[in-house]
C-alpha atoms as a PDB file:
ATOM      1  CA  MET A   1      -2.247   6.543 -22.763  1.00  0.00           C
ATOM      2  CA  GLU A   2      -1.603   3.639 -25.093  1.00  0.00           C
ATOM      3  CA  MET A   3      -3.914   0.709 -24.507  1.00  0.00           C
ATOM      4  CA  LYS A   4      -3.040  -2.987 -24.874  1.00  0.00           C
ATOM      5  CA  ASN A   5      -5.435  -5.897 -25.028  1.00  0.00           C
ATOM      6  CA  VAL A   6      -5.124  -8.735 -22.510  1.00  0.00           C
ATOM      7  CA  THR A   7      -6.885 -12.048 -22.170  1.00  0.00           C
ATOM      8  CA  LEU A   8      -8.368 -12.746 -18.780  1.00  0.00           C
ATOM      9  CA  SER A   9      -9.821 -15.999 -17.519  1.00  0.00           C
ATOM     10  CA  LEU A  10     -12.315 -15.818 -14.662  1.00  0.00           C
ATOM     11  CA  PRO A  11     -14.567 -18.345 -13.029  1.00  0.00           C
ATOM     12  CA  LYS A  12     -18.022 -18.184 -14.613  1.00  0.00           C
ATOM     13  CA  GLU A  13     -19.694 -17.129 -11.343  1.00  0.00           C
ATOM     14  CA  VAL A  14     -17.234 -14.291 -10.821  1.00  0.00           C
ATOM     15  CA  LEU A  15     -17.732 -13.050 -14.373  1.00  0.00           C
ATOM     16  CA  GLN A  16     -21.506 -12.984 -13.883  1.00  0.00           C
ATOM     17  CA  GLU A  17     -21.136 -10.886 -10.723  1.00  0.00           C
ATOM     18  CA  VAL A  18     -18.629  -8.546 -12.394  1.00  0.00           C
ATOM     19  CA  LYS A  19     -21.064  -7.971 -15.273  1.00  0.00           C
ATOM     20  CA  ILE A  20     -23.764  -7.020 -12.767  1.00  0.00           C
ATOM     21  CA  ILE A  21     -21.447  -4.655 -10.880  1.00  0.00           C
ATOM     22  CA  ALA A  22     -20.318  -2.978 -14.113  1.00  0.00           C
ATOM     23  CA  ALA A  23     -23.930  -2.582 -15.264  1.00  0.00           C
ATOM     24  CA  ARG A  24     -24.946  -1.038 -11.923  1.00  0.00           C
ATOM     25  CA  ARG A  25     -22.123   1.467 -12.272  1.00  0.00           C
ATOM     26  CA  GLY A  26     -23.007   2.186 -15.877  1.00  0.00           C
ATOM     27  CA  THR A  27     -19.610   1.133 -17.170  1.00  0.00           C
ATOM     28  CA  SER A  28     -17.916  -1.735 -18.957  1.00  0.00           C
ATOM     29  CA  ILE A  29     -15.982  -4.589 -17.406  1.00  0.00           C
ATOM     30  CA  SER A  30     -12.871  -3.227 -19.098  1.00  0.00           C
ATOM     31  CA  SER A  31     -13.351   0.235 -17.557  1.00  0.00           C
ATOM     32  CA  LEU A  32     -14.124  -1.272 -14.169  1.00  0.00           C
ATOM     33  CA  LEU A  33     -10.957  -3.385 -14.227  1.00  0.00           C
ATOM     34  CA  THR A  34      -8.892  -0.453 -15.486  1.00  0.00           C
ATOM     35  CA  PHE A  35     -10.107   1.661 -12.564  1.00  0.00           C
ATOM     36  CA  LEU A  36      -9.460  -1.076  -9.997  1.00  0.00           C
ATOM     37  CA  LEU A  37      -6.028  -2.001 -11.325  1.00  0.00           C
ATOM     38  CA  THR A  38      -4.982   1.644 -11.637  1.00  0.00           C
ATOM     39  CA  ASP A  39      -5.997   2.154  -8.010  1.00  0.00           C
ATOM     40  CA  LEU A  40      -4.016  -0.928  -6.980  1.00  0.00           C
ATOM     41  CA  VAL A  41      -0.901   0.413  -8.738  1.00  0.00           C
ATOM     42  CA  ARG A  42      -1.381   3.810  -7.037  1.00  0.00           C
ATOM     43  CA  GLN A  43      -1.698   2.153  -3.617  1.00  0.00           C
ATOM     44  CA  GLU A  44       1.446   0.096  -4.188  1.00  0.00           C
ATOM     45  CA  ASP A  45       3.352   3.214  -5.272  1.00  0.00           C
ATOM     46  CA  GLN A  46       2.182   5.100  -2.173  1.00  0.00           C
ATOM     47  CA  TYR A  47       3.093   2.180   0.090  1.00  0.00           C
ATOM     48  CA  GLU A  48       6.580   1.954  -1.423  1.00  0.00           C
ATOM     49  CA  ALA A  49       7.129   5.706  -1.043  1.00  0.00           C
ATOM     50  CA  ALA A  50       5.983   5.552   2.608  1.00  0.00           C
ATOM     51  CA  ARG A  51       8.265   2.573   3.219  1.00  0.00           C
ATOM     52  CA  ARG A  52      11.250   4.453   1.796  1.00  0.00           C
ATOM     53  CA  ARG A  53      10.426   7.529   3.926  1.00  0.00           C
ATOM     54  CA  SER A  54      10.117   5.383   7.057  1.00  0.00           C
ATOM     55  CA  LEU A  55      13.410   3.610   6.444  1.00  0.00           C
ATOM     56  CA  ALA A  56      15.160   6.940   5.828  1.00  0.00           C
ATOM     57  CA  TRP A  57      13.636   8.270   9.069  1.00  0.00           C
ATOM     58  CA  LEU A  58      14.944   5.214  10.954  1.00  0.00           C
ATOM     59  CA  ASP A  59      18.403   5.685   9.431  1.00  0.00           C
ATOM     60  CA  ARG A  60      18.486   9.324  10.618  1.00  0.00           C
ATOM     61  CA  GLY A  61      17.253   8.442  14.079  1.00  0.00           C
ATOM     62  CA  LEU A  62      15.795  10.853  16.602  1.00  0.00           C
ATOM     63  CA  ASP A  63      17.522  13.364  18.839  1.00  0.00           C
ATOM     64  CA  LEU A  64      16.310  12.437  22.305  1.00  0.00           C
ATOM     65  CA  GLY A  65      18.450  15.110  23.924  1.00  0.00           C
ATOM     66  CA  THR A  66      20.886  12.616  25.497  1.00  0.00           C
ATOM     67  CA  ARG A  67      23.838  13.484  23.232  1.00  0.00           C
ATOM     68  CA  GLY A  68      24.412   9.764  22.872  1.00  0.00           C
ATOM     69  CA  GLU A  69      24.738   9.152  26.605  1.00  0.00           C
ATOM     70  CA  ILE A  70      22.554   6.786  28.615  1.00  0.00           C
ATOM     71  CA  PRO A  71      21.799   8.717  31.837  1.00  0.00           C
ATOM     72  CA  THR A  72      20.818   5.706  33.957  1.00  0.00           C
ATOM     73  CA  SER A  73      22.117   2.188  34.259  1.00  0.00           C
ATOM     74  CA  HIS A  74      20.275  -0.947  33.275  1.00  0.00           C
ATOM     75  CA  GLU A  75      20.063  -1.914  36.932  1.00  0.00           C
ATOM     76  CA  ASP A  76      18.501   1.435  37.903  1.00  0.00           C
ATOM     77  CA  LEU A  77      15.835   1.003  35.261  1.00  0.00           C
ATOM     78  CA  ASN A  78      14.963  -2.468  36.511  1.00  0.00           C
ATOM     79  CA  GLU A  79      14.783  -1.632  40.221  1.00  0.00           C
ATOM     80  CA  ARG A  80      11.367  -2.072  41.757  1.00  0.00           C
END
């Protein structure tokens, strides 16, 4: 995979915490961010695929066995 450099500006306090987290994990800030951003991209891709599947499912509809007929009237359903 080809790598590209980016410049990132973070609040000083956040950068200090990120350095600590990376050190605890035995990795670099760059590797930590690569992992997190790659995971974010994967999650977005999975969400979009699930959204497309759900919309296709809604377009197809479900066979409820009524053959398109409503067996009872609105009034019958609302009787108490």
